[in-house]
Amino acid sequence: MTGPDPGRWIDRMIGWCFGILLAVIALYCAVALIESMLPTLIIIIGALAIGALIVGAIVVIRTWCNRW
């Protein structure tokens, strides 16, 4: 027989299926973890953004007032 072994082809296909299944399970767990932390992340990112806006406004005002 010159063609590839059919049993080997089936084993490779099963391996691909299990690999895809594990990837889907990992993705599901990652999304569930991020979803559980999302309210806290939104609060933290919002507070950091407000702080950055305040610091940026202070820098702009000081730069504008101290021009020659």
PDB file of N, CA and C in Angstrom:
ATOM      1  N   MET A   1       0.843  -1.181   0.000  1.00  0.00           N
ATOM      2  CA  MET A   1       0.000   0.000   0.000  1.00  0.00           C
ATOM      3  C   MET A   1       0.888   1.244   0.000  1.00  0.00           C
ATOM      4  N   THR A   2       0.595   2.137  -0.910  1.00  0.00           N
ATOM      5  CA  THR A   2       1.396   3.346  -1.016  1.00  0.00           C
ATOM      6  C   THR A   2       0.754   4.535  -0.307  1.00  0.00           C
ATOM      7  N   GLY A   3      -0.532   4.464   0.011  1.00  0.00           N
ATOM      8  CA  GLY A   3      -1.238   5.584   0.653  1.00  0.00           C
ATOM      9  C   GLY A   3      -1.006   5.606   2.155  1.00  0.00           C
ATOM     10  N   PRO A   4      -1.395   6.703   2.787  1.00  0.00           N
ATOM     11  CA  PRO A   4      -1.240   6.799   4.241  1.00  0.00           C
ATOM     12  C   PRO A   4      -2.171   5.828   4.960  1.00  0.00           C
ATOM     13  N   ASP A   5      -1.765   5.431   6.137  1.00  0.00           N
ATOM     14  CA  ASP A   5      -2.531   4.490   6.943  1.00  0.00           C
ATOM     15  C   ASP A   5      -3.816   5.168   7.430  1.00  0.00           C
ATOM     16  N   PRO A   6      -5.006   4.577   7.151  1.00  0.00           N
ATOM     17  CA  PRO A   6      -6.265   5.208   7.579  1.00  0.00           C
ATOM     18  C   PRO A   6      -6.388   5.323   9.104  1.00  0.00           C
ATOM     19  N   GLY A   7      -5.840   4.359   9.820  1.00  0.00           N
ATOM     20  CA  GLY A   7      -5.906   4.429  11.283  1.00  0.00           C
ATOM     21  C   GLY A   7      -5.140   5.625  11.821  1.00  0.00           C
ATOM     22  N   ARG A   8      -4.025   5.926  11.199  1.00  0.00           N
ATOM     23  CA  ARG A   8      -3.227   7.072  11.619  1.00  0.00           C
ATOM     24  C   ARG A   8      -3.972   8.381  11.326  1.00  0.00           C
ATOM     25  N   TRP A   9      -4.663   8.425  10.196  1.00  0.00           N
ATOM     26  CA  TRP A   9      -5.432   9.607   9.829  1.00  0.00           C
ATOM     27  C   TRP A   9      -6.546   9.861  10.840  1.00  0.00           C
ATOM     28  N   ILE A  10      -7.218   8.782  11.263  1.00  0.00           N
ATOM     29  CA  ILE A  10      -8.292   8.899  12.252  1.00  0.00           C
ATOM     30  C   ILE A  10      -7.726   9.355  13.596  1.00  0.00           C
ATOM     31  N   ASP A  11      -6.570   8.840  13.983  1.00  0.00           N
ATOM     32  CA  ASP A  11      -5.941   9.276  15.235  1.00  0.00           C
ATOM     33  C   ASP A  11      -5.606  10.762  15.193  1.00  0.00           C
ATOM     34  N   ARG A  12      -5.110  11.226  14.059  1.00  0.00           N
ATOM     35  CA  ARG A  12      -4.793  12.652  13.929  1.00  0.00           C
ATOM     36  C   ARG A  12      -6.063  13.490  14.020  1.00  0.00           C
ATOM     37  N   MET A  13      -7.153  13.021  13.419  1.00  0.00           N
ATOM     38  CA  MET A  13      -8.417  13.747  13.452  1.00  0.00           C
ATOM     39  C   MET A  13      -8.960  13.814  14.876  1.00  0.00           C
ATOM     40  N   ILE A  14      -8.873  12.717  15.612  1.00  0.00           N
ATOM     41  CA  ILE A  14      -9.321  12.706  17.007  1.00  0.00           C
ATOM     42  C   ILE A  14      -8.457  13.644  17.840  1.00  0.00           C
ATOM     43  N   GLY A  15      -7.161  13.660  17.583  1.00  0.00           N
ATOM     44  CA  GLY A  15      -6.271  14.585  18.282  1.00  0.00           C
ATOM     45  C   GLY A  15      -6.649  16.036  18.028  1.00  0.00           C
ATOM     46  N   TRP A  16      -6.950  16.363  16.772  1.00  0.00           N
ATOM     47  CA  TRP A  16      -7.387  17.722  16.447  1.00  0.00           C
ATOM     48  C   TRP A  16      -8.681  18.065  17.179  1.00  0.00           C
ATOM     49  N   CYS A  17      -9.619  17.132  17.220  1.00  0.00           N
ATOM     50  CA  CYS A  17     -10.902  17.381  17.888  1.00  0.00           C
ATOM     51  C   CYS A  17     -10.703  17.632  19.379  1.00  0.00           C
ATOM     52  N   PHE A  18      -9.857  16.825  20.022  1.00  0.00           N
ATOM     53  CA  PHE A  18      -9.595  17.045  21.444  1.00  0.00           C
ATOM     54  C   PHE A  18      -8.854  18.362  21.673  1.00  0.00           C
ATOM     55  N   GLY A  19      -7.960  18.708  20.775  1.00  0.00           N
ATOM     56  CA  GLY A  19      -7.262  19.990  20.890  1.00  0.00           C
ATOM     57  C   GLY A  19      -8.222  21.159  20.792  1.00  0.00           C
ATOM     58  N   ILE A  20      -9.143  21.094  19.841  1.00  0.00           N
ATOM     59  CA  ILE A  20     -10.142  22.155  19.693  1.00  0.00           C
ATOM     60  C   ILE A  20     -11.057  22.195  20.905  1.00  0.00           C
ATOM     61  N   LEU A  21     -11.449  21.032  21.415  1.00  0.00           N
ATOM     62  CA  LEU A  21     -12.299  20.976  22.600  1.00  0.00           C
ATOM     63  C   LEU A  21     -11.608  21.612  23.800  1.00  0.00           C
ATOM     64  N   LEU A  22     -10.341  21.302  24.014  1.00  0.00           N
ATOM     65  CA  LEU A  22      -9.605  21.901  25.130  1.00  0.00           C
ATOM     66  C   LEU A  22      -9.455  23.408  24.951  1.00  0.00           C
ATOM     67  N   ALA A  23      -9.250  23.866  23.726  1.00  0.00           N
ATOM     68  CA  ALA A  23      -9.149  25.307  23.468  1.00  0.00           C
ATOM     69  C   ALA A  23     -10.466  26.010  23.771  1.00  0.00           C
ATOM     70  N   VAL A  24     -11.575  25.392  23.403  1.00  0.00           N
ATOM     71  CA  VAL A  24     -12.887  25.982  23.675  1.00  0.00           C
ATOM     72  C   VAL A  24     -13.151  26.030  25.173  1.00  0.00           C
ATOM     73  N   ILE A  25     -12.791  24.982  25.891  1.00  0.00           N
ATOM     74  CA  ILE A  25     -12.977  24.963  27.346  1.00  0.00           C
ATOM     75  C   ILE A  25     -12.118  26.036  28.004  1.00  0.00           C
ATOM     76  N   ALA A  26     -10.868  26.187  27.567  1.00  0.00           N
ATOM     77  CA  ALA A  26      -9.984  27.215  28.127  1.00  0.00           C
ATOM     78  C   ALA A  26     -10.534  28.608  27.843  1.00  0.00           C
ATOM     79  N   LEU A  27     -11.037  28.825  26.636  1.00  0.00           N
ATOM     80  CA  LEU A  27     -11.610  30.122  26.288  1.00  0.00           C
ATOM     81  C   LEU A  27     -12.853  30.409  27.123  1.00  0.00           C
ATOM     82  N   TYR A  28     -13.686  29.409  27.335  1.00  0.00           N
ATOM     83  CA  TYR A  28     -14.884  29.570  28.157  1.00  0.00           C
ATOM     84  C   TYR A  28     -14.508  29.945  29.586  1.00  0.00           C
ATOM     85  N   CYS A  29     -13.508  29.270  30.141  1.00  0.00           N
ATOM     86  CA  CYS A  29     -13.069  29.579  31.509  1.00  0.00           C
ATOM     87  C   CYS A  29     -12.482  30.984  31.598  1.00  0.00           C
ATOM     88  N   ALA A  30     -11.716  31.395  30.593  1.00  0.00           N
ATOM     89  CA  ALA A  30     -11.134  32.737  30.594  1.00  0.00           C
ATOM     90  C   ALA A  30     -12.224  33.800  30.527  1.00  0.00           C
ATOM     91  N   VAL A  31     -13.223  33.592  29.692  1.00  0.00           N
ATOM     92  CA  VAL A  31     -14.323  34.556  29.583  1.00  0.00           C
ATOM     93  C   VAL A  31     -15.115  34.604  30.884  1.00  0.00           C
ATOM     94  N   ALA A  32     -15.363  33.461  31.506  1.00  0.00           N
ATOM     95  CA  ALA A  32     -16.088  33.440  32.773  1.00  0.00           C
ATOM     96  C   ALA A  32     -15.305  34.165  33.863  1.00  0.00           C
ATOM     97  N   LEU A  33     -13.990  33.993  33.884  1.00  0.00           N
ATOM     98  CA  LEU A  33     -13.154  34.671  34.876  1.00  0.00           C
ATOM     99  C   LEU A  33     -13.180  36.182  34.667  1.00  0.00           C
ATOM    100  N   ILE A  34     -13.025  36.624  33.428  1.00  0.00           N
ATOM    101  CA  ILE A  34     -13.063  38.063  33.144  1.00  0.00           C
ATOM    102  C   ILE A  34     -14.448  38.630  33.439  1.00  0.00           C
ATOM    103  N   GLU A  35     -15.487  37.878  33.123  1.00  0.00           N
ATOM    104  CA  GLU A  35     -16.849  38.332  33.384  1.00  0.00           C
ATOM    105  C   GLU A  35     -17.098  38.505  34.880  1.00  0.00           C
ATOM    106  N   SER A  36     -16.514  37.653  35.704  1.00  0.00           N
ATOM    107  CA  SER A  36     -16.706  37.771  37.147  1.00  0.00           C
ATOM    108  C   SER A  36     -15.947  38.961  37.721  1.00  0.00           C
ATOM    109  N   MET A  37     -14.851  39.365  37.064  1.00  0.00           N
ATOM    110  CA  MET A  37     -14.052  40.487  37.551  1.00  0.00           C
ATOM    111  C   MET A  37     -14.408  41.799  36.861  1.00  0.00           C
ATOM    112  N   LEU A  38     -15.323  41.790  35.906  1.00  0.00           N
ATOM    113  CA  LEU A  38     -15.585  42.956  35.076  1.00  0.00           C
ATOM    114  C   LEU A  38     -16.025  44.194  35.852  1.00  0.00           C
ATOM    115  N   PRO A  39     -16.957  44.113  36.806  1.00  0.00           N
ATOM    116  CA  PRO A  39     -17.334  45.338  37.527  1.00  0.00           C
ATOM    117  C   PRO A  39     -16.151  45.985  38.250  1.00  0.00           C
ATOM    118  N   THR A  40     -15.315  45.179  38.867  1.00  0.00           N
ATOM    119  CA  THR A  40     -14.144  45.711  39.560  1.00  0.00           C
ATOM    120  C   THR A  40     -13.171  46.329  38.564  1.00  0.00           C
ATOM    121  N   LEU A  41     -12.961  45.672  37.434  1.00  0.00           N
ATOM    122  CA  LEU A  41     -12.063  46.212  36.414  1.00  0.00           C
ATOM    123  C   LEU A  41     -12.565  47.546  35.874  1.00  0.00           C
ATOM    124  N   ILE A  42     -13.871  47.668  35.669  1.00  0.00           N
ATOM    125  CA  ILE A  42     -14.433  48.919  35.163  1.00  0.00           C
ATOM    126  C   ILE A  42     -14.203  50.041  36.164  1.00  0.00           C
ATOM    127  N   ILE A  43     -14.401  49.767  37.447  1.00  0.00           N
ATOM    128  CA  ILE A  43     -14.186  50.788  38.476  1.00  0.00           C
ATOM    129  C   ILE A  43     -12.719  51.200  38.519  1.00  0.00           C
ATOM    130  N   ILE A  44     -11.814  50.237  38.501  1.00  0.00           N
ATOM    131  CA  ILE A  44     -10.379  50.545  38.572  1.00  0.00           C
ATOM    132  C   ILE A  44      -9.933  51.330  37.338  1.00  0.00           C
ATOM    133  N   ILE A  45     -10.333  50.884  36.160  1.00  0.00           N
ATOM    134  CA  ILE A  45      -9.933  51.576  34.934  1.00  0.00           C
ATOM    135  C   ILE A  45     -10.547  52.972  34.878  1.00  0.00           C
ATOM    136  N   GLY A  46     -11.786  53.110  35.332  1.00  0.00           N
ATOM    137  CA  GLY A  46     -12.417  54.433  35.372  1.00  0.00           C
ATOM    138  C   GLY A  46     -11.698  55.376  36.314  1.00  0.00           C
ATOM    139  N   ALA A  47     -11.319  54.884  37.498  1.00  0.00           N
ATOM    140  CA  ALA A  47     -10.593  55.721  38.455  1.00  0.00           C
ATOM    141  C   ALA A  47      -9.233  56.129  37.895  1.00  0.00           C
ATOM    142  N   LEU A  48      -8.538  55.211  37.247  1.00  0.00           N
ATOM    143  CA  LEU A  48      -7.250  55.546  36.637  1.00  0.00           C
ATOM    144  C   LEU A  48      -7.414  56.565  35.513  1.00  0.00           C
ATOM    145  N   ALA A  49      -8.474  56.443  34.738  1.00  0.00           N
ATOM    146  CA  ALA A  49      -8.711  57.394  33.649  1.00  0.00           C
ATOM    147  C   ALA A  49      -9.005  58.784  34.196  1.00  0.00           C
ATOM    148  N   ILE A  50      -9.808  58.864  35.245  1.00  0.00           N
ATOM    149  CA  ILE A  50     -10.100  60.167  35.856  1.00  0.00           C
ATOM    150  C   ILE A  50      -8.830  60.774  36.436  1.00  0.00           C
ATOM    151  N   GLY A  51      -8.026  59.960  37.100  1.00  0.00           N
ATOM    152  CA  GLY A  51      -6.754  60.448  37.635  1.00  0.00           C
ATOM    153  C   GLY A  51      -5.836  60.951  36.533  1.00  0.00           C
ATOM    154  N   ALA A  52      -5.777  60.238  35.422  1.00  0.00           N
ATOM    155  CA  ALA A  52      -4.937  60.667  34.299  1.00  0.00           C
ATOM    156  C   ALA A  52      -5.446  61.970  33.703  1.00  0.00           C
ATOM    157  N   LEU A  53      -6.759  62.137  33.625  1.00  0.00           N
ATOM    158  CA  LEU A  53      -7.316  63.392  33.119  1.00  0.00           C
ATOM    159  C   LEU A  53      -6.976  64.561  34.036  1.00  0.00           C
ATOM    160  N   ILE A  54      -7.053  64.342  35.339  1.00  0.00           N
ATOM    161  CA  ILE A  54      -6.718  65.406  36.292  1.00  0.00           C
ATOM    162  C   ILE A  54      -5.246  65.784  36.171  1.00  0.00           C
ATOM    163  N   VAL A  55      -4.373  64.786  36.151  1.00  0.00           N
ATOM    164  CA  VAL A  55      -2.933  65.064  36.020  1.00  0.00           C
ATOM    165  C   VAL A  55      -2.648  65.759  34.690  1.00  0.00           C
ATOM    166  N   GLY A  56      -3.272  65.303  33.622  1.00  0.00           N
ATOM    167  CA  GLY A  56      -3.087  65.938  32.320  1.00  0.00           C
ATOM    168  C   GLY A  56      -3.558  67.383  32.315  1.00  0.00           C
ATOM    169  N   ALA A  57      -4.702  67.655  32.949  1.00  0.00           N
ATOM    170  CA  ALA A  57      -5.205  69.027  33.022  1.00  0.00           C
ATOM    171  C   ALA A  57      -4.253  69.910  33.818  1.00  0.00           C
ATOM    172  N   ILE A  58      -3.714  69.399  34.918  1.00  0.00           N
ATOM    173  CA  ILE A  58      -2.758  70.171  35.726  1.00  0.00           C
ATOM    174  C   ILE A  58      -1.512  70.490  34.911  1.00  0.00           C
ATOM    175  N   VAL A  59      -0.994  69.518  34.188  1.00  0.00           N
ATOM    176  CA  VAL A  59       0.206  69.743  33.373  1.00  0.00           C
ATOM    177  C   VAL A  59      -0.072  70.783  32.288  1.00  0.00           C
ATOM    178  N   VAL A  60      -1.216  70.690  31.634  1.00  0.00           N
ATOM    179  CA  VAL A  60      -1.553  71.648  30.577  1.00  0.00           C
ATOM    180  C   VAL A  60      -1.710  73.050  31.154  1.00  0.00           C
ATOM    181  N   ILE A  61      -2.401  73.177  32.278  1.00  0.00           N
ATOM    182  CA  ILE A  61      -2.607  74.498  32.889  1.00  0.00           C
ATOM    183  C   ILE A  61      -1.285  75.089  33.341  1.00  0.00           C
ATOM    184  N   ARG A  62      -0.432  74.307  33.979  1.00  0.00           N
ATOM    185  CA  ARG A  62       0.871  74.824  34.423  1.00  0.00           C
ATOM    186  C   ARG A  62       1.740  75.229  33.234  1.00  0.00           C
ATOM    187  N   THR A  63       1.710  74.421  32.189  1.00  0.00           N
ATOM    188  CA  THR A  63       2.500  74.755  31.003  1.00  0.00           C
ATOM    189  C   THR A  63       1.972  76.028  30.349  1.00  0.00           C
ATOM    190  N   TRP A  64       0.675  76.170  30.292  1.00  0.00           N
ATOM    191  CA  TRP A  64       0.057  77.325  29.666  1.00  0.00           C
ATOM    192  C   TRP A  64       0.323  78.601  30.472  1.00  0.00           C
ATOM    193  N   CYS A  65       0.262  78.506  31.787  1.00  0.00           N
ATOM    194  CA  CYS A  65       0.475  79.679  32.643  1.00  0.00           C
ATOM    195  C   CYS A  65       1.944  80.076  32.735  1.00  0.00           C
ATOM    196  N   ASN A  66       2.875  79.182  32.562  1.00  0.00           N
ATOM    197  CA  ASN A  66       4.297  79.480  32.723  1.00  0.00           C
ATOM    198  C   ASN A  66       4.997  79.782  31.403  1.00  0.00           C
ATOM    199  N   ARG A  67       4.256  80.172  30.384  1.00  0.00           N
ATOM    200  CA  ARG A  67       4.890  80.527  29.111  1.00  0.00           C
ATOM    201  C   ARG A  67       5.600  81.857  29.249  1.00  0.00           C
ATOM    202  N   TRP A  68       6.624  82.043  28.440  1.00  0.00           N
ATOM    203  CA  TRP A  68       7.376  83.309  28.475  1.00  0.00           C
ATOM    204  C   TRP A  68       6.623  84.353  27.717  1.00  0.00           C
TER     205      TRP A  68
END
